[in-house]
Amino acid sequence: METAAASRKILVAIKRVVDSNVRIRVKPDGSGVALEGVKLSINPFDSIAIEEALRIKESGRADEVVIATLGPADCQATLRNALAMGAQRALHVVTDGALEPLAVARVLLKLVEREQPFLVILGKQAIDDDNNQTGQMLAALWNRPQATFASKLEITEQTAKVTREVDAGLETLEIDLPAVVTTDLRLNEPRFVKLPEIMKAKTKPLASIPIAELGVSGAPRAKVVKTEPPPARQRGILVKDTNELFAELSKRGLV
């Protein structure tokens, strides 16, 4: 009796952040960033991760794209946007508290154990905290290869060839699958979502999972003491020549 081949899944982890076009405002008491009435969107690097997963599926290298996120109940709107791009299913790990990268990686590991993907893709970092840690931590916990800052990705049955951006230029790695890949800005241009896809996304499967069901503690290990906006930029001055420039810098103790 023949056994059906296992479905080749890609798991894409996304995060909801303040939209990149919104001006950030700090709460008057300094307790954090004001989110009331602010547009929230998929982290831009994660949109690139979704697009790359969809392109892999459309090329016949994967059977299913599953989207996952962590956050409060209203995160489902963000997941529906990802489903509208073309993903087949979504997983919502429900938690009201802010999670640190290690806790997020532990949650994603539980989802990996459930879904058994051959590839996990996520943005290299989120634009709200810029930690650039979750992908690396997930790879370490999963004990699988990783390739970060991908600007090109080629998938075969057993390996992934990843071109990544480093300080000296470009580096190409070949890693065994399953693996974790984090996406950089130049990997692709995410597709524009049309109204019919938005309507279809409303009927696609979206499972809610309480974080307690996964046995992962979301308790923070660090405490934010205060949040402050950057200082106002000082007005510049116009100098006549190099000598006057160095004289002004010396007066200010900068040279």
C-alpha atoms as a PDB file:
ATOM      1  CA  MET A   1       0.000   0.000   0.000  1.00  0.00           C
ATOM      2  CA  GLU A   2       1.482   3.327  -1.059  1.00  0.00           C
ATOM      3  CA  THR A   3       1.751   6.215   1.409  1.00  0.00           C
ATOM      4  CA  ALA A   4       0.869   9.694   0.217  1.00  0.00           C
ATOM      5  CA  ALA A   5       3.796  12.092   0.073  1.00  0.00           C
ATOM      6  CA  ALA A   6       3.926  14.640   2.876  1.00  0.00           C
ATOM      7  CA  SER A   7       2.837  18.147   1.935  1.00  0.00           C
ATOM      8  CA  ARG A   8       5.751  20.548   1.452  1.00  0.00           C
ATOM      9  CA  LYS A   9       4.882  23.552   3.588  1.00  0.00           C
ATOM     10  CA  ILE A  10       6.463  26.949   4.034  1.00  0.00           C
ATOM     11  CA  LEU A  11       5.775  28.686   7.334  1.00  0.00           C
ATOM     12  CA  VAL A  12       5.998  32.485   7.194  1.00  0.00           C
ATOM     13  CA  ALA A  13       6.141  34.392  10.478  1.00  0.00           C
ATOM     14  CA  ILE A  14       4.872  37.966  10.372  1.00  0.00           C
ATOM     15  CA  LYS A  15       4.527  40.824  12.843  1.00  0.00           C
ATOM     16  CA  ARG A  16       2.052  43.684  13.011  1.00  0.00           C
ATOM     17  CA  VAL A  17       3.748  47.073  13.348  1.00  0.00           C
ATOM     18  CA  VAL A  18       2.903  50.746  13.040  1.00  0.00           C
ATOM     19  CA  ASP A  19       2.653  51.476   9.325  1.00  0.00           C
ATOM     20  CA  SER A  20       5.921  52.786   7.901  1.00  0.00           C
ATOM     21  CA  ASN A  21       4.170  55.927   6.601  1.00  0.00           C
ATOM     22  CA  VAL A  22       2.836  56.922  10.030  1.00  0.00           C
ATOM     23  CA  ARG A  23       4.630  59.472  12.181  1.00  0.00           C
ATOM     24  CA  ILE A  24       5.508  57.820  15.494  1.00  0.00           C
ATOM     25  CA  ARG A  25       4.207  59.528  18.649  1.00  0.00           C
ATOM     26  CA  VAL A  26       5.313  58.788  22.206  1.00  0.00           C
ATOM     27  CA  LYS A  27       2.669  58.678  24.963  1.00  0.00           C
ATOM     28  CA  PRO A  28       2.688  61.778  27.211  1.00  0.00           C
ATOM     29  CA  ASP A  29       3.687  59.687  30.249  1.00  0.00           C
ATOM     30  CA  GLY A  30       6.631  58.090  28.369  1.00  0.00           C
ATOM     31  CA  SER A  31       5.252  54.570  28.869  1.00  0.00           C
ATOM     32  CA  GLY A  32       5.512  53.643  25.195  1.00  0.00           C
ATOM     33  CA  VAL A  33       4.425  54.475  21.646  1.00  0.00           C
ATOM     34  CA  ALA A  34       0.882  55.761  21.118  1.00  0.00           C
ATOM     35  CA  LEU A  35      -1.122  53.212  19.099  1.00  0.00           C
ATOM     36  CA  GLU A  36      -4.651  54.568  19.488  1.00  0.00           C
ATOM     37  CA  GLY A  37      -6.118  55.377  16.082  1.00  0.00           C
ATOM     38  CA  VAL A  38      -2.826  54.538  14.339  1.00  0.00           C
ATOM     39  CA  LYS A  39      -2.702  52.468  11.163  1.00  0.00           C
ATOM     40  CA  LEU A  40      -1.053  49.074  11.750  1.00  0.00           C
ATOM     41  CA  SER A  41       0.341  46.947   8.913  1.00  0.00           C
ATOM     42  CA  ILE A  42       2.457  43.900   8.167  1.00  0.00           C
ATOM     43  CA  ASN A  43       6.123  44.560   8.906  1.00  0.00           C
ATOM     44  CA  PRO A  44       7.638  45.473   5.471  1.00  0.00           C
ATOM     45  CA  PHE A  45      10.359  42.806   5.660  1.00  0.00           C
ATOM     46  CA  ASP A  46       7.680  40.219   6.478  1.00  0.00           C
ATOM     47  CA  SER A  47       5.675  41.232   3.399  1.00  0.00           C
ATOM     48  CA  ILE A  48       8.791  40.374   1.397  1.00  0.00           C
ATOM     49  CA  ALA A  49       8.914  36.995   3.182  1.00  0.00           C
ATOM     50  CA  ILE A  50       5.283  36.297   2.224  1.00  0.00           C
ATOM     51  CA  GLU A  51       5.941  37.243  -1.391  1.00  0.00           C
ATOM     52  CA  GLU A  52       8.980  34.962  -1.608  1.00  0.00           C
ATOM     53  CA  ALA A  53       7.062  32.024  -0.133  1.00  0.00           C
ATOM     54  CA  LEU A  54       4.263  32.544  -2.648  1.00  0.00           C
ATOM     55  CA  ARG A  55       6.730  32.652  -5.532  1.00  0.00           C
ATOM     56  CA  ILE A  56       8.282  29.369  -4.365  1.00  0.00           C
ATOM     57  CA  LYS A  57       4.821  27.771  -4.245  1.00  0.00           C
ATOM     58  CA  GLU A  58       3.886  29.159  -7.659  1.00  0.00           C
ATOM     59  CA  SER A  59       7.091  27.664  -9.098  1.00  0.00           C
ATOM     60  CA  GLY A  60       5.978  24.212  -7.891  1.00  0.00           C
ATOM     61  CA  ARG A  61       8.577  23.927  -5.112  1.00  0.00           C
ATOM     62  CA  ALA A  62       6.006  24.023  -2.291  1.00  0.00           C
ATOM     63  CA  ASP A  63       2.423  22.865  -1.794  1.00  0.00           C
ATOM     64  CA  GLU A  64       1.216  25.259   0.890  1.00  0.00           C
ATOM     65  CA  VAL A  65       2.072  28.600   2.479  1.00  0.00           C
ATOM     66  CA  VAL A  66       1.038  29.004   6.116  1.00  0.00           C
ATOM     67  CA  ILE A  67       1.168  32.409   7.830  1.00  0.00           C
ATOM     68  CA  ALA A  68       1.703  32.777  11.597  1.00  0.00           C
ATOM     69  CA  THR A  69       1.624  35.744  13.931  1.00  0.00           C
ATOM     70  CA  LEU A  70       1.489  36.466  17.659  1.00  0.00           C
ATOM     71  CA  GLY A  71      -0.627  39.171  19.239  1.00  0.00           C
ATOM     72  CA  PRO A  72      -4.053  40.254  20.508  1.00  0.00           C
ATOM     73  CA  ALA A  73      -7.401  39.381  18.930  1.00  0.00           C
ATOM     74  CA  ASP A  74      -7.359  42.271  16.446  1.00  0.00           C
ATOM     75  CA  CYS A  75      -4.212  40.856  14.785  1.00  0.00           C
ATOM     76  CA  GLN A  76      -6.540  38.730  12.663  1.00  0.00           C
ATOM     77  CA  ALA A  77      -7.033  41.639  10.273  1.00  0.00           C
ATOM     78  CA  THR A  78      -3.295  41.560   9.569  1.00  0.00           C
ATOM     79  CA  LEU A  79      -3.453  37.810   8.939  1.00  0.00           C
ATOM     80  CA  ARG A  80      -6.358  38.288   6.532  1.00  0.00           C
ATOM     81  CA  ASN A  81      -4.201  40.740   4.567  1.00  0.00           C
ATOM     82  CA  ALA A  82      -1.484  38.081   4.319  1.00  0.00           C
ATOM     83  CA  LEU A  83      -4.069  35.512   3.180  1.00  0.00           C
ATOM     84  CA  ALA A  84      -5.245  37.981   0.551  1.00  0.00           C
ATOM     85  CA  MET A  85      -1.745  37.974  -0.915  1.00  0.00           C
ATOM     86  CA  GLY A  86      -2.238  34.263  -1.664  1.00  0.00           C
ATOM     87  CA  ALA A  87      -1.365  32.157   1.393  1.00  0.00           C
ATOM     88  CA  GLN A  88      -3.609  29.171   2.109  1.00  0.00           C
ATOM     89  CA  ARG A  89      -3.903  29.174   5.924  1.00  0.00           C
ATOM     90  CA  ALA A  90      -3.113  31.310   8.948  1.00  0.00           C
ATOM     91  CA  LEU A  91      -2.229  30.609  12.584  1.00  0.00           C
ATOM     92  CA  HIS A  92      -2.883  33.216  15.260  1.00  0.00           C
ATOM     93  CA  VAL A  93      -1.151  32.692  18.606  1.00  0.00           C
ATOM     94  CA  VAL A  94      -3.252  34.859  20.902  1.00  0.00           C
ATOM     95  CA  THR A  95      -1.422  36.896  23.534  1.00  0.00           C
ATOM     96  CA  ASP A  96      -2.034  40.383  24.875  1.00  0.00           C
ATOM     97  CA  GLY A  97       1.477  41.010  26.183  1.00  0.00           C
ATOM     98  CA  ALA A  98       4.483  42.213  24.215  1.00  0.00           C
ATOM     99  CA  LEU A  99       6.853  39.307  23.570  1.00  0.00           C
ATOM    100  CA  GLU A 100      10.630  39.400  23.402  1.00  0.00           C
ATOM    101  CA  PRO A 101      12.431  37.689  20.487  1.00  0.00           C
ATOM    102  CA  LEU A 102      13.353  34.570  22.483  1.00  0.00           C
ATOM    103  CA  ALA A 103       9.733  33.990  23.516  1.00  0.00           C
ATOM    104  CA  VAL A 104       8.603  34.524  19.909  1.00  0.00           C
ATOM    105  CA  ALA A 105      11.198  32.002  18.706  1.00  0.00           C
ATOM    106  CA  ARG A 106       9.991  29.448  21.258  1.00  0.00           C
ATOM    107  CA  VAL A 107       6.396  29.902  20.100  1.00  0.00           C
ATOM    108  CA  LEU A 108       7.436  29.537  16.457  1.00  0.00           C
ATOM    109  CA  LEU A 109       9.301  26.343  17.341  1.00  0.00           C
ATOM    110  CA  LYS A 110       6.039  24.894  18.693  1.00  0.00           C
ATOM    111  CA  LEU A 111       4.316  25.808  15.431  1.00  0.00           C
ATOM    112  CA  VAL A 112       7.166  24.257  13.454  1.00  0.00           C
ATOM    113  CA  GLU A 113       6.747  21.032  15.416  1.00  0.00           C
ATOM    114  CA  ARG A 114       3.028  21.057  14.594  1.00  0.00           C
ATOM    115  CA  GLU A 115       3.269  22.000  10.924  1.00  0.00           C
ATOM    116  CA  GLN A 116       6.579  20.325   9.941  1.00  0.00           C
ATOM    117  CA  PRO A 117       7.526  22.897   7.257  1.00  0.00           C
ATOM    118  CA  PHE A 118      10.566  22.372   5.059  1.00  0.00           C
ATOM    119  CA  LEU A 119      11.256  26.108   5.162  1.00  0.00           C
ATOM    120  CA  VAL A 120      10.547  28.958   7.591  1.00  0.00           C
ATOM    121  CA  ILE A 121      10.814  32.494   6.197  1.00  0.00           C
ATOM    122  CA  LEU A 122      10.550  35.741   8.139  1.00  0.00           C
ATOM    123  CA  GLY A 123      11.740  39.305   7.782  1.00  0.00           C
ATOM    124  CA  LYS A 124      15.273  39.996   8.953  1.00  0.00           C
ATOM    125  CA  GLN A 125      13.916  42.449  11.533  1.00  0.00           C
ATOM    126  CA  ALA A 126      10.807  44.360  12.549  1.00  0.00           C
ATOM    127  CA  ILE A 127      10.797  48.104  12.001  1.00  0.00           C
ATOM    128  CA  ASP A 128       9.414  48.806  15.486  1.00  0.00           C
ATOM    129  CA  ASP A 129      12.194  47.275  17.610  1.00  0.00           C
ATOM    130  CA  ASP A 130      14.926  46.478  15.019  1.00  0.00           C
ATOM    131  CA  ASN A 131      16.108  43.523  17.114  1.00  0.00           C
ATOM    132  CA  ASN A 132      17.102  41.211  14.230  1.00  0.00           C
ATOM    133  CA  GLN A 133      17.098  38.179  16.562  1.00  0.00           C
ATOM    134  CA  THR A 134      14.024  35.977  16.119  1.00  0.00           C
ATOM    135  CA  GLY A 135      15.111  34.094  12.983  1.00  0.00           C
ATOM    136  CA  GLN A 136      18.529  33.270  14.390  1.00  0.00           C
ATOM    137  CA  MET A 137      17.065  32.156  17.717  1.00  0.00           C
ATOM    138  CA  LEU A 138      14.496  29.937  15.994  1.00  0.00           C
ATOM    139  CA  ALA A 139      17.215  28.229  13.933  1.00  0.00           C
ATOM    140  CA  ALA A 140      19.249  27.565  17.086  1.00  0.00           C
ATOM    141  CA  LEU A 141      16.249  26.158  18.996  1.00  0.00           C
ATOM    142  CA  TRP A 142      15.208  24.046  15.985  1.00  0.00           C
ATOM    143  CA  ASN A 143      18.818  22.926  15.459  1.00  0.00           C
ATOM    144  CA  ARG A 144      18.552  23.595  11.735  1.00  0.00           C
ATOM    145  CA  PRO A 145      20.632  25.719   9.288  1.00  0.00           C
ATOM    146  CA  GLN A 146      19.938  29.411   8.791  1.00  0.00           C
ATOM    147  CA  ALA A 147      20.674  32.049   6.164  1.00  0.00           C
ATOM    148  CA  THR A 148      19.996  35.675   7.061  1.00  0.00           C
ATOM    149  CA  PHE A 149      19.603  38.881   5.003  1.00  0.00           C
ATOM    150  CA  ALA A 150      18.651  36.977   1.841  1.00  0.00           C
ATOM    151  CA  SER A 151      18.630  39.020  -1.365  1.00  0.00           C
ATOM    152  CA  LYS A 152      18.158  35.937  -3.594  1.00  0.00           C
ATOM    153  CA  LEU A 153      16.737  32.497  -2.789  1.00  0.00           C
ATOM    154  CA  GLU A 154      16.807  29.343  -4.907  1.00  0.00           C
ATOM    155  CA  ILE A 155      15.087  26.180  -3.629  1.00  0.00           C
ATOM    156  CA  THR A 156      15.699  22.556  -4.657  1.00  0.00           C
ATOM    157  CA  GLU A 157      14.319  19.349  -3.135  1.00  0.00           C
ATOM    158  CA  GLN A 158      17.006  19.133  -0.463  1.00  0.00           C
ATOM    159  CA  THR A 159      18.810  22.479  -0.320  1.00  0.00           C
ATOM    160  CA  ALA A 160      18.426  26.240  -0.452  1.00  0.00           C
ATOM    161  CA  LYS A 161      20.960  28.467  -2.197  1.00  0.00           C
ATOM    162  CA  VAL A 162      20.895  31.889  -0.576  1.00  0.00           C
ATOM    163  CA  THR A 163      22.638  35.052  -1.709  1.00  0.00           C
ATOM    164  CA  ARG A 164      22.956  37.346   1.277  1.00  0.00           C
ATOM    165  CA  GLU A 165      24.111  40.908   1.763  1.00  0.00           C
ATOM    166  CA  VAL A 166      27.162  41.387   3.974  1.00  0.00           C
ATOM    167  CA  ASP A 167      29.455  44.344   4.658  1.00  0.00           C
ATOM    168  CA  ALA A 168      31.931  43.263   1.983  1.00  0.00           C
ATOM    169  CA  GLY A 169      29.289  42.704  -0.710  1.00  0.00           C
ATOM    170  CA  LEU A 170      27.382  39.512  -1.507  1.00  0.00           C
ATOM    171  CA  GLU A 171      27.870  36.043  -0.043  1.00  0.00           C
ATOM    172  CA  THR A 172      26.283  32.853  -1.422  1.00  0.00           C
ATOM    173  CA  LEU A 173      25.486  29.955   0.896  1.00  0.00           C
ATOM    174  CA  GLU A 174      24.014  26.526   0.221  1.00  0.00           C
ATOM    175  CA  ILE A 175      22.189  25.063   3.214  1.00  0.00           C
ATOM    176  CA  ASP A 176      20.310  21.834   3.810  1.00  0.00           C
ATOM    177  CA  LEU A 177      16.549  21.865   4.283  1.00  0.00           C
ATOM    178  CA  PRO A 178      14.615  22.238   6.552  1.00  0.00           C
ATOM    179  CA  ALA A 179      16.045  25.660   7.333  1.00  0.00           C
ATOM    180  CA  VAL A 180      15.291  29.219   8.421  1.00  0.00           C
ATOM    181  CA  VAL A 181      15.742  32.148   6.004  1.00  0.00           C
ATOM    182  CA  THR A 182      15.347  35.834   6.839  1.00  0.00           C
ATOM    183  CA  THR A 183      14.622  38.305   4.065  1.00  0.00           C
ATOM    184  CA  ASP A 184      16.340  41.530   3.105  1.00  0.00           C
ATOM    185  CA  LEU A 185      14.917  44.518   1.260  1.00  0.00           C
ATOM    186  CA  ARG A 186      16.143  43.625  -2.229  1.00  0.00           C
ATOM    187  CA  LEU A 187      14.809  40.053  -2.358  1.00  0.00           C
ATOM    188  CA  ASN A 188      11.590  40.998  -4.165  1.00  0.00           C
ATOM    189  CA  GLU A 189       8.762  43.509  -4.517  1.00  0.00           C
ATOM    190  CA  PRO A 190       5.567  42.335  -2.728  1.00  0.00           C
ATOM    191  CA  ARG A 191       2.529  42.048  -4.977  1.00  0.00           C
ATOM    192  CA  PHE A 192      -0.416  44.433  -4.942  1.00  0.00           C
ATOM    193  CA  VAL A 193      -3.523  42.835  -3.418  1.00  0.00           C
ATOM    194  CA  LYS A 194      -6.744  43.223  -5.429  1.00  0.00           C
ATOM    195  CA  LEU A 195     -10.278  43.362  -4.073  1.00  0.00           C
ATOM    196  CA  PRO A 196     -11.296  39.809  -5.171  1.00  0.00           C
ATOM    197  CA  GLU A 197      -8.354  38.367  -3.211  1.00  0.00           C
ATOM    198  CA  ILE A 198      -9.384  40.393  -0.147  1.00  0.00           C
ATOM    199  CA  MET A 199     -12.902  38.917  -0.370  1.00  0.00           C
ATOM    200  CA  LYS A 200     -11.564  35.360  -0.796  1.00  0.00           C
ATOM    201  CA  ALA A 201      -9.304  35.781   2.225  1.00  0.00           C
ATOM    202  CA  LYS A 202     -12.337  36.151   4.498  1.00  0.00           C
ATOM    203  CA  THR A 203     -13.195  32.468   3.962  1.00  0.00           C
ATOM    204  CA  LYS A 204      -9.697  30.998   4.276  1.00  0.00           C
ATOM    205  CA  PRO A 205      -8.860  28.936   7.399  1.00  0.00           C
ATOM    206  CA  LEU A 206      -7.544  30.958  10.338  1.00  0.00           C
ATOM    207  CA  ALA A 207      -6.865  29.063  13.579  1.00  0.00           C
ATOM    208  CA  SER A 208      -6.565  30.837  16.939  1.00  0.00           C
ATOM    209  CA  ILE A 209      -4.242  29.237  19.495  1.00  0.00           C
ATOM    210  CA  PRO A 210      -3.944  30.598  23.063  1.00  0.00           C
ATOM    211  CA  ILE A 211      -0.276  30.978  23.905  1.00  0.00           C
ATOM    212  CA  ALA A 212      -0.843  28.983  27.122  1.00  0.00           C
ATOM    213  CA  GLU A 213      -1.829  25.986  24.975  1.00  0.00           C
ATOM    214  CA  LEU A 214       1.705  25.937  23.563  1.00  0.00           C
ATOM    215  CA  GLY A 215       3.303  25.867  27.018  1.00  0.00           C
ATOM    216  CA  VAL A 216       5.440  28.942  26.342  1.00  0.00           C
ATOM    217  CA  SER A 217       5.774  31.732  28.895  1.00  0.00           C
ATOM    218  CA  GLY A 218       5.538  35.214  27.473  1.00  0.00           C
ATOM    219  CA  ALA A 219       6.798  36.847  30.664  1.00  0.00           C
ATOM    220  CA  PRO A 220       9.318  39.582  29.748  1.00  0.00           C
ATOM    221  CA  ARG A 221      12.910  39.345  30.964  1.00  0.00           C
ATOM    222  CA  ALA A 222      13.562  43.048  30.387  1.00  0.00           C
ATOM    223  CA  LYS A 223      11.532  46.075  31.457  1.00  0.00           C
ATOM    224  CA  VAL A 224      11.147  49.279  29.459  1.00  0.00           C
ATOM    225  CA  VAL A 225      11.718  52.065  31.952  1.00  0.00           C
ATOM    226  CA  LYS A 226      10.896  55.020  29.708  1.00  0.00           C
ATOM    227  CA  THR A 227      10.296  55.883  26.071  1.00  0.00           C
ATOM    228  CA  GLU A 228      11.412  59.252  24.728  1.00  0.00           C
ATOM    229  CA  PRO A 229      11.213  60.837  21.281  1.00  0.00           C
ATOM    230  CA  PRO A 230      14.531  61.797  19.668  1.00  0.00           C
ATOM    231  CA  PRO A 231      15.728  65.316  20.521  1.00  0.00           C
ATOM    232  CA  ALA A 232      14.705  68.085  18.138  1.00  0.00           C
ATOM    233  CA  ARG A 233      17.267  68.691  15.449  1.00  0.00           C
ATOM    234  CA  GLN A 234      19.287  71.825  16.019  1.00  0.00           C
ATOM    235  CA  ARG A 235      19.260  74.556  13.434  1.00  0.00           C
ATOM    236  CA  GLY A 236      22.263  74.483  11.130  1.00  0.00           C
ATOM    237  CA  ILE A 237      24.583  77.358  10.288  1.00  0.00           C
ATOM    238  CA  LEU A 238      26.216  78.393   7.024  1.00  0.00           C
ATOM    239  CA  VAL A 239      30.036  78.724   6.969  1.00  0.00           C
ATOM    240  CA  LYS A 240      32.105  80.506   4.313  1.00  0.00           C
ATOM    241  CA  ASP A 241      35.033  78.114   4.018  1.00  0.00           C
ATOM    242  CA  THR A 242      36.856  75.126   5.526  1.00  0.00           C
ATOM    243  CA  ASN A 243      38.721  77.234   8.078  1.00  0.00           C
ATOM    244  CA  GLU A 244      35.490  78.642   9.460  1.00  0.00           C
ATOM    245  CA  LEU A 245      34.016  75.125   9.553  1.00  0.00           C
ATOM    246  CA  PHE A 246      36.903  73.750  11.624  1.00  0.00           C
ATOM    247  CA  ALA A 247      36.825  76.794  13.895  1.00  0.00           C
ATOM    248  CA  GLU A 248      33.120  76.194  14.607  1.00  0.00           C
ATOM    249  CA  LEU A 249      33.652  72.468  15.204  1.00  0.00           C
ATOM    250  CA  SER A 250      36.554  73.215  17.545  1.00  0.00           C
ATOM    251  CA  LYS A 251      34.454  75.711  19.482  1.00  0.00           C
ATOM    252  CA  ARG A 252      31.865  72.982  20.037  1.00  0.00           C
ATOM    253  CA  GLY A 253      34.487  70.436  21.106  1.00  0.00           C
ATOM    254  CA  LEU A 254      33.867  68.193  18.122  1.00  0.00           C
ATOM    255  CA  VAL A 255      37.437  68.156  16.786  1.00  0.00           C
END
